[in-house]
N, C-alpha and C. Protein backbone atom coordinates (compact mmCIF):
# COMPACT_ATOMS: atom_id res chain seq x y z
N MET A 1 -41.17 42.99 7.41
CA MET A 1 -40.32 42.29 8.06
C MET A 1 -40.38 40.72 7.39
N LYS A 2 -41.63 40.29 7.37
CA LYS A 2 -41.99 38.96 6.90
C LYS A 2 -41.66 38.74 5.41
N LEU A 3 -41.78 39.70 4.66
CA LEU A 3 -41.52 39.77 3.19
C LEU A 3 -40.27 39.30 2.96
N PRO A 4 -39.05 39.89 3.49
CA PRO A 4 -37.79 39.37 3.18
C PRO A 4 -37.37 37.89 3.67
N GLN A 5 -37.99 37.53 4.77
CA GLN A 5 -37.92 36.12 5.17
C GLN A 5 -38.53 35.32 4.29
N PHE A 6 -39.68 35.59 3.59
CA PHE A 6 -40.33 34.64 2.80
C PHE A 6 -39.61 34.75 1.18
N PHE A 7 -39.00 35.75 0.99
CA PHE A 7 -38.22 35.88 -0.24
C PHE A 7 -37.01 34.94 0.00
N CYS A 8 -36.35 35.09 1.23
CA CYS A 8 -35.19 34.25 1.34
C CYS A 8 -35.40 32.48 1.24
N LEU A 9 -36.74 32.53 1.96
CA LEU A 9 -37.24 30.81 2.10
C LEU A 9 -37.41 30.45 0.38
N LEU A 10 -38.21 31.33 -0.24
CA LEU A 10 -38.40 31.12 -1.69
C LEU A 10 -37.03 30.88 -2.39
N VAL A 11 -36.13 31.58 -2.18
CA VAL A 11 -34.86 31.45 -2.86
C VAL A 11 -34.17 30.17 -2.63
N LEU A 12 -34.04 30.02 -1.18
CA LEU A 12 -33.44 28.67 -0.60
C LEU A 12 -34.29 27.45 -1.12
N LEU A 13 -35.57 27.43 -1.09
CA LEU A 13 -36.38 26.15 -1.84
C LEU A 13 -36.05 26.16 -3.56
N ALA A 14 -35.89 27.20 -4.11
CA ALA A 14 -35.26 27.06 -5.37
C ALA A 14 -34.11 26.60 -5.77
N PHE A 15 -33.10 26.93 -4.89
CA PHE A 15 -31.76 26.53 -4.93
C PHE A 15 -31.70 24.88 -4.79
N VAL A 16 -32.46 24.62 -3.63
CA VAL A 16 -32.49 23.11 -3.20
C VAL A 16 -33.17 22.38 -4.30
N SER A 17 -34.23 22.76 -5.00
CA SER A 17 -34.85 22.16 -6.10
C SER A 17 -34.13 21.89 -7.12
N CYS A 18 -33.22 22.88 -7.59
CA CYS A 18 -32.27 22.73 -8.67
C CYS A 18 -31.38 22.01 -8.47
N ARG A 19 -30.77 21.75 -7.20
CA ARG A 19 -29.71 21.02 -6.98
C ARG A 19 -30.36 19.45 -6.87
N SER A 20 -31.34 19.14 -6.43
CA SER A 20 -31.95 17.82 -6.47
C SER A 20 -32.07 17.25 -7.68
N SER A 21 -32.57 18.19 -8.74
CA SER A 21 -32.85 17.67 -10.14
C SER A 21 -31.52 17.44 -10.76
N GLN A 22 -30.54 17.95 -10.37
CA GLN A 22 -29.28 17.66 -10.88
C GLN A 22 -28.58 16.29 -10.59
N LYS A 23 -29.04 15.84 -9.29
CA LYS A 23 -28.47 14.56 -8.76
C LYS A 23 -29.01 13.44 -9.88
N ASN A 24 -30.01 13.38 -10.45
CA ASN A 24 -30.47 12.42 -11.30
C ASN A 24 -29.73 12.44 -12.65
N ILE A 25 -28.99 13.54 -13.05
CA ILE A 25 -28.44 13.85 -14.41
C ILE A 25 -27.38 12.81 -14.37
N ILE A 26 -27.00 12.27 -15.41
CA ILE A 26 -25.84 11.46 -15.62
C ILE A 26 -24.93 12.35 -16.03
N GLN A 27 -23.64 12.08 -15.46
CA GLN A 27 -22.32 12.84 -15.43
C GLN A 27 -21.79 12.82 -16.87
N VAL A 28 -20.93 13.74 -17.40
CA VAL A 28 -20.55 13.70 -18.64
C VAL A 28 -19.72 12.60 -19.02
N ASP A 29 -18.83 12.26 -18.04
CA ASP A 29 -17.95 10.95 -18.46
C ASP A 29 -18.83 9.68 -18.70
N SER A 30 -20.05 9.45 -18.11
CA SER A 30 -20.82 8.22 -18.23
C SER A 30 -21.62 8.59 -19.71
N MET A 31 -22.14 9.76 -19.71
CA MET A 31 -23.04 10.08 -20.79
C MET A 31 -22.59 9.88 -22.01
N LYS A 32 -21.12 10.31 -22.22
CA LYS A 32 -20.49 10.29 -23.45
C LYS A 32 -20.29 8.78 -23.93
N VAL A 33 -20.14 7.86 -23.03
CA VAL A 33 -20.11 6.48 -23.43
C VAL A 33 -21.51 6.01 -24.04
N TYR A 34 -22.56 6.35 -23.09
CA TYR A 34 -23.90 6.00 -23.65
C TYR A 34 -24.13 6.52 -24.87
N MET A 35 -23.81 7.75 -25.26
CA MET A 35 -24.21 8.47 -26.40
C MET A 35 -23.37 7.67 -27.67
N PHE A 36 -22.15 7.52 -27.29
CA PHE A 36 -21.27 6.71 -28.32
C PHE A 36 -21.84 5.31 -28.70
N ASP A 37 -22.38 4.65 -27.57
CA ASP A 37 -22.82 3.30 -28.11
C ASP A 37 -24.13 3.63 -28.69
N MET A 38 -24.98 4.81 -28.35
CA MET A 38 -26.32 4.85 -29.33
C MET A 38 -25.80 5.30 -30.73
N MET A 39 -24.87 6.01 -30.81
CA MET A 39 -24.40 6.27 -32.14
C MET A 39 -23.84 5.07 -33.05
N ARG A 40 -23.28 4.06 -32.24
CA ARG A 40 -22.96 2.91 -32.81
C ARG A 40 -24.35 2.16 -33.20
N ALA A 41 -25.22 2.05 -32.50
CA ALA A 41 -26.32 1.40 -32.76
C ALA A 41 -26.98 1.98 -34.17
N ASP A 42 -27.00 3.18 -34.02
CA ASP A 42 -27.53 4.15 -35.37
C ASP A 42 -26.88 3.36 -36.41
N GLU A 43 -25.53 3.38 -36.46
CA GLU A 43 -24.63 2.95 -37.56
C GLU A 43 -25.17 1.35 -38.03
N LEU A 44 -25.34 0.48 -37.01
CA LEU A 44 -25.77 -0.67 -37.12
C LEU A 44 -27.24 -0.89 -37.77
N TYR A 45 -28.13 0.26 -37.46
CA TYR A 45 -29.28 0.36 -37.91
C TYR A 45 -29.47 0.59 -39.34
N ILE A 46 -28.59 1.61 -39.70
CA ILE A 46 -28.33 2.13 -41.23
C ILE A 46 -27.82 1.01 -41.99
N ASN A 47 -26.74 0.20 -41.36
CA ASN A 47 -26.41 -1.05 -42.09
C ASN A 47 -27.56 -2.16 -42.37
N ILE A 48 -28.10 -2.18 -41.45
CA ILE A 48 -29.42 -3.28 -41.50
C ILE A 48 -30.32 -2.89 -42.59
N LEU A 49 -30.54 -1.50 -42.68
CA LEU A 49 -31.60 -1.06 -43.56
C LEU A 49 -31.10 -0.96 -44.93
N SER A 50 -29.81 -0.91 -45.13
CA SER A 50 -29.11 -0.81 -46.50
C SER A 50 -29.14 -2.23 -46.98
N LYS A 51 -29.28 -3.27 -46.36
CA LYS A 51 -29.29 -4.52 -46.61
C LYS A 51 -30.80 -5.17 -46.90
N ASP A 52 -31.54 -4.75 -45.99
CA ASP A 52 -32.89 -5.23 -45.94
C ASP A 52 -34.03 -4.08 -45.86
N THR A 53 -34.42 -3.62 -47.07
CA THR A 53 -35.30 -2.42 -47.10
C THR A 53 -36.87 -2.77 -46.68
N THR A 54 -36.93 -4.14 -46.44
CA THR A 54 -38.35 -4.39 -45.74
C THR A 54 -38.41 -4.55 -44.23
N ALA A 55 -37.15 -4.35 -43.68
CA ALA A 55 -37.25 -4.31 -42.13
C ALA A 55 -38.08 -3.39 -41.55
N ASN A 56 -38.61 -3.62 -40.38
CA ASN A 56 -39.43 -2.57 -39.79
C ASN A 56 -38.54 -1.60 -39.22
N LYS A 57 -38.51 -0.39 -39.92
CA LYS A 57 -37.52 0.53 -39.53
C LYS A 57 -37.71 0.97 -37.91
N ARG A 58 -38.78 1.42 -37.71
CA ARG A 58 -38.76 1.97 -36.38
C ARG A 58 -38.58 1.08 -35.27
N LYS A 59 -39.07 -0.06 -35.29
CA LYS A 59 -39.02 -1.07 -34.27
C LYS A 59 -37.58 -1.52 -34.12
N ALA A 60 -36.83 -1.80 -35.34
CA ALA A 60 -35.40 -2.14 -35.12
C ALA A 60 -34.69 -0.97 -34.48
N ASN A 61 -34.88 0.02 -34.70
CA ASN A 61 -34.27 1.05 -34.08
C ASN A 61 -34.29 1.24 -32.50
N ILE A 62 -35.66 1.19 -32.30
CA ILE A 62 -35.94 1.30 -30.90
C ILE A 62 -35.47 0.05 -30.07
N ARG A 63 -35.39 -1.03 -30.76
CA ARG A 63 -34.97 -2.39 -30.18
C ARG A 63 -33.38 -2.21 -29.80
N LEU A 64 -32.66 -1.53 -30.83
CA LEU A 64 -31.33 -1.28 -30.52
C LEU A 64 -31.16 -0.31 -29.51
N TYR A 65 -31.82 0.77 -29.27
CA TYR A 65 -31.51 1.59 -28.07
C TYR A 65 -31.83 0.93 -27.05
N LYS A 66 -32.98 0.08 -26.87
CA LYS A 66 -33.20 -0.48 -25.59
C LYS A 66 -31.98 -1.45 -25.13
N GLU A 67 -31.67 -2.12 -26.17
CA GLU A 67 -30.17 -2.94 -25.72
C GLU A 67 -29.13 -2.20 -25.16
N VAL A 68 -28.95 -1.06 -25.94
CA VAL A 68 -27.73 -0.23 -25.12
C VAL A 68 -28.07 0.28 -23.94
N LEU A 69 -29.26 0.75 -23.74
CA LEU A 69 -29.78 1.10 -22.29
C LEU A 69 -29.75 -0.04 -21.44
N ALA A 70 -30.03 -1.01 -21.84
CA ALA A 70 -30.10 -2.27 -20.94
C ALA A 70 -28.58 -2.90 -20.59
N LEU A 71 -27.67 -2.63 -21.49
CA LEU A 71 -26.30 -2.86 -21.34
C LEU A 71 -25.54 -2.08 -20.36
N HIS A 72 -26.24 -0.82 -20.38
CA HIS A 72 -25.41 0.05 -19.13
C HIS A 72 -26.17 0.33 -18.09
N LYS A 73 -27.42 -0.58 -17.99
CA LYS A 73 -28.19 -0.49 -16.83
C LYS A 73 -28.77 0.90 -16.55
N ILE A 74 -29.30 1.55 -17.38
CA ILE A 74 -29.92 2.74 -17.40
C ILE A 74 -31.25 2.82 -17.70
N SER A 75 -32.06 3.62 -17.29
CA SER A 75 -33.57 3.79 -17.92
C SER A 75 -33.64 4.67 -18.86
N LYS A 76 -34.60 4.66 -19.66
CA LYS A 76 -35.02 5.45 -20.75
C LYS A 76 -35.19 6.87 -20.37
N GLY A 77 -36.03 6.94 -19.16
CA GLY A 77 -36.28 8.21 -18.70
C GLY A 77 -35.22 9.01 -18.24
N ARG A 78 -34.26 8.28 -17.53
CA ARG A 78 -32.95 9.00 -17.13
C ARG A 78 -32.02 9.38 -18.16
N PHE A 79 -31.90 8.69 -19.07
CA PHE A 79 -31.18 8.97 -20.23
C PHE A 79 -31.89 10.10 -20.88
N ASP A 80 -32.98 10.17 -21.40
CA ASP A 80 -33.81 11.38 -21.87
C ASP A 80 -33.76 12.53 -21.11
N SER A 81 -34.00 12.33 -19.92
CA SER A 81 -34.04 13.82 -19.15
C SER A 81 -32.66 14.44 -18.93
N SER A 82 -31.71 13.41 -18.76
CA SER A 82 -30.41 13.93 -18.89
C SER A 82 -30.05 14.53 -20.14
N TYR A 83 -30.44 13.82 -21.31
CA TYR A 83 -29.94 14.57 -22.72
C TYR A 83 -30.71 15.90 -22.63
N ARG A 84 -31.99 15.95 -22.22
CA ARG A 84 -32.82 17.26 -22.09
C ARG A 84 -32.16 18.32 -21.31
N TYR A 85 -31.48 17.88 -20.23
CA TYR A 85 -30.79 18.88 -19.38
C TYR A 85 -29.45 19.43 -20.01
N TYR A 86 -28.70 18.59 -20.81
CA TYR A 86 -27.61 19.10 -21.58
C TYR A 86 -27.90 19.86 -22.51
N GLU A 87 -28.97 19.75 -23.28
CA GLU A 87 -29.57 20.48 -24.48
C GLU A 87 -29.91 21.76 -23.81
N ALA A 88 -30.55 21.99 -22.67
CA ALA A 88 -30.88 23.17 -22.04
C ALA A 88 -29.76 24.07 -21.55
N HIS A 89 -28.67 23.58 -21.53
CA HIS A 89 -27.49 24.02 -20.89
C HIS A 89 -26.30 24.05 -22.03
N PRO A 90 -26.12 25.02 -22.76
CA PRO A 90 -25.24 25.02 -24.02
C PRO A 90 -23.93 24.78 -23.86
N VAL A 91 -23.38 25.39 -22.47
CA VAL A 91 -22.09 25.30 -22.12
C VAL A 91 -21.71 23.83 -21.94
N LEU A 92 -22.64 23.24 -20.95
CA LEU A 92 -22.54 21.89 -20.73
C LEU A 92 -22.75 20.89 -21.99
N PHE A 93 -23.65 21.27 -22.76
CA PHE A 93 -23.88 20.41 -24.03
C PHE A 93 -22.51 20.39 -24.73
N LYS A 94 -21.94 21.69 -25.03
CA LYS A 94 -20.63 21.52 -25.84
C LYS A 94 -19.79 20.66 -25.10
N THR A 95 -19.49 20.83 -23.75
CA THR A 95 -18.57 19.93 -23.01
C THR A 95 -18.67 18.49 -23.32
N LEU A 96 -20.20 18.20 -23.26
CA LEU A 96 -20.42 16.80 -23.46
C LEU A 96 -20.24 16.24 -24.92
N ILE A 97 -20.31 17.09 -25.86
CA ILE A 97 -20.25 16.86 -27.36
C ILE A 97 -18.70 16.94 -27.63
N ASP A 98 -17.90 17.76 -26.87
CA ASP A 98 -16.36 17.74 -27.20
C ASP A 98 -15.95 16.48 -26.69
N SER A 99 -16.38 15.94 -25.36
CA SER A 99 -15.67 14.85 -24.69
C SER A 99 -16.17 13.48 -25.61
N LEU A 100 -17.46 13.50 -26.24
CA LEU A 100 -17.89 12.40 -26.86
C LEU A 100 -17.04 12.41 -28.15
N ASP A 101 -16.64 13.56 -28.58
CA ASP A 101 -15.74 13.48 -30.13
C ASP A 101 -14.38 13.00 -29.68
N ALA A 102 -13.81 13.41 -28.56
CA ALA A 102 -12.49 12.83 -28.17
C ALA A 102 -12.61 11.35 -27.77
N TYR A 103 -13.73 10.87 -27.26
CA TYR A 103 -13.92 9.48 -26.78
C TYR A 103 -13.90 8.70 -28.13
N ALA A 104 -14.85 9.22 -29.16
CA ALA A 104 -14.93 8.32 -30.24
C ALA A 104 -13.57 8.30 -31.01
N GLY A 105 -12.78 9.43 -31.06
CA GLY A 105 -11.65 9.24 -31.67
C GLY A 105 -10.57 8.34 -31.10
N ARG A 106 -10.76 8.27 -29.66
CA ARG A 106 -9.78 7.24 -28.97
C ARG A 106 -10.20 5.78 -29.32
N GLU A 107 -11.53 5.75 -29.33
CA GLU A 107 -12.15 4.19 -29.56
C GLU A 107 -11.84 3.99 -31.00
N LYS A 108 -11.84 4.81 -32.04
CA LYS A 108 -11.50 4.62 -33.42
C LYS A 108 -9.97 4.25 -33.56
N SER A 109 -9.10 4.84 -32.78
CA SER A 109 -7.65 4.44 -32.75
C SER A 109 -7.43 3.06 -32.07
N LYS A 110 -8.14 2.83 -31.08
CA LYS A 110 -8.01 1.53 -30.52
C LYS A 110 -8.45 0.36 -31.57
N SER A 111 -9.39 0.68 -32.11
CA SER A 111 -10.06 -0.46 -33.05
C SER A 111 -9.02 -0.61 -34.21
N TYR A 112 -8.46 0.56 -34.69
CA TYR A 112 -7.76 0.43 -35.84
C TYR A 112 -6.24 -0.06 -35.47
N LEU A 113 -5.77 0.04 -34.20
CA LEU A 113 -4.78 -0.57 -33.65
C LEU A 113 -4.86 -2.03 -33.41
N LYS A 114 -6.09 -2.44 -32.97
CA LYS A 114 -6.40 -3.76 -32.71
C LYS A 114 -6.58 -4.49 -34.19
N GLN A 115 -7.20 -4.09 -35.18
CA GLN A 115 -7.45 -4.57 -36.35
C GLN A 115 -6.14 -4.66 -36.99
N TYR A 116 -5.12 -3.76 -37.12
CA TYR A 116 -3.90 -3.92 -37.86
C TYR A 116 -2.68 -3.84 -37.03
N GLY A 117 -2.78 -3.92 -35.84
CA GLY A 117 -1.49 -3.82 -35.19
C GLY A 117 -0.81 -2.57 -35.18
N GLN A 118 0.12 -2.48 -34.26
CA GLN A 118 0.94 -1.25 -34.00
C GLN A 118 2.11 -1.63 -34.94
N SER A 119 2.37 -0.46 -35.63
CA SER A 119 3.57 -0.56 -36.75
C SER A 119 4.85 0.09 -35.94
N LYS A 120 5.85 -0.45 -36.11
CA LYS A 120 7.11 -0.07 -35.49
C LYS A 120 8.25 -0.13 -36.38
């Protein structure tokens, strides 16, 4: 009689612990924006390296990432744990990447329209 009760308690604890770990995960809508800005920081980093081969490569990249995280007021640990969570869940990761791709396309269109204006 005690074994089924123990098993139910164990399942309940596992369920609660899984739910509490998901509370700290950044939602897809926010994560796509953070990742988009990280990708833009990578582009800037590549541009800097192409012009200045003597730049301290690792520190410049890390500095740009820190600036992106500070801009969005998010800790590196929370971003990293969220990213690892999405990597560990392929369906959610695909949703994130698809959302990021659509967001990047919209941002590119906005930038193009801003630069060249709307043609009528």
